[in-house]
Amino acid sequence: MEPLPKGANFVRAKTLWEIGLHIAGNPATRYGGNRDMVVTVGSGSGPRFRPWLRMSSGSAILAEEVAAGGGVDLAFVNPSALLTQAYRGVGLFKKPLPLRIVASYPSWDRFVFAAHPGAGIRSLADIKAKRYPLRVSVREDPTHSTLVLIEQAFALHGFTLNDIESWGGKLILCGGPSDVRRLGPLARGEIDAVFDEGIKVWLAEALAAGLVPIELNEDEFAAMGKLGWRRVVLPKARFPKLAKDVDTLDFSGWPIYCNASLPDQTAYDVCSALAAREAEIPFEKGSDGTALLMVSDTELTPMDVPLHPGSERWYREHSKR
C-alpha cells in the first residue's frame, strides 16, 4: 500500500472525508435520504472551486447524468446488470447511453424469488394465476434496484407488486436484507415469500423457515437476459439446505463507470489509485479483492459493458507483472 499523503492540505481533505462518510453512512438514514456522497477532486485555490473529477454513489438512473456530461464524471452502481441496461438502452433506459466501466468492485450475489410451498407458488406465473394473498418481504425504497428486477420479471406475465396487495396480500417492507422487520417475521412463520438479493444474510434463514427458490423458465430467463440480467447458478455448495443447484439471476458486481469520452489518462489514474489504496478498500470477506480483479470480467465482477480504454491499458501493463 502506498503511504498516506502528508501535509496540511491532506489533513483537511481527510477530515472532510470522515465527516461525509459518517453522515452518509448513518444506518438510521432511510433510502432516499442523505446516504450518498460526491467526492470531487479539483482546485480550491481561487475564488471558486474548479472541479476536475467528480465521483458519486447513487441509484442506477444517475447514469443519465453521467452520459449527459453533467455534474458527475464517475458513478458507482449496484448491480452490474443495471449498468448493462443503460448501455443497451433497455429496461429503465429509453436509449443506449455512451458509458464505459472504469473498474468494478467485486461482489458475489444472486437475486432469489423464494416462496413457501404452502402458498402453492411454483412459478412466477402462479403468482398471478392463483392470486394467493402472499405475504412477501421486499425493500421499502421505491427506487431500489431489486424492485426494478421484480417489476421487470412480473411484467412478463402482466402484473405488478401492487397487484399482490389488491389480491389481499401484504408487502412486508424492510430497509436491508438483514432487517429485523424481515428476519423476525420469517422465523415466526409470518412471511410467505422473500424477493431480494443480499442472499448471504437472509437465504439460509429463509430455507430454514421452509421457503424454497422459484426457478424461472427458459422464456423468462431469455427475456430477462435481454435486459441484462445474467442467468447464473445458486449453488447448493454455498447453501446446504438447498435441495439442489438452482438457476437464478445474477446480482453481482458494483461497476464504477463513466462517460465514454472520459480521457484515457483519467481512467488509467483511477485504476492506479485503486491499486495504490487497495489495502484500504473494504472488500467483501473472501472476495480476494485487488485492483487487477476490478478490471477483469469474473463471476464477482461481471462486465457486459466495455471497459474504458484507459482501464484496459492499465490492466495490460500491470497484469504481466
Foldseek 3Di string as FASTA:
>chain_A
DDDQDDDDVSVVLVVVVVVLCCVLVPPVDFPVDSNKDKDFDADPPDPDTDTDAIEMEDELVCLVCQLVVHDHFKYKYFDQLSLVLQQCQDQVGNHHGQKAFLFWAFDFKFWFKKFACVQVDQALLCCVVVLGQFAEEDAPPPRDPLLSVQQQLNVVNPDHPVSSVVSVHHYQHDRDQQGCSPLVCLQVVNHGIYTGMPCVRPVLSNLVSRIATRAHDPVSQVSVVVSRWHWDWDQCVSRVSHPGIGIGTTRAIITIMGRLPDDLVVSLVVLVVCQSCVVVDPHDPPRPDHSLNGQDDDSRHHDPGHHHPSSVVNNVVPVVD
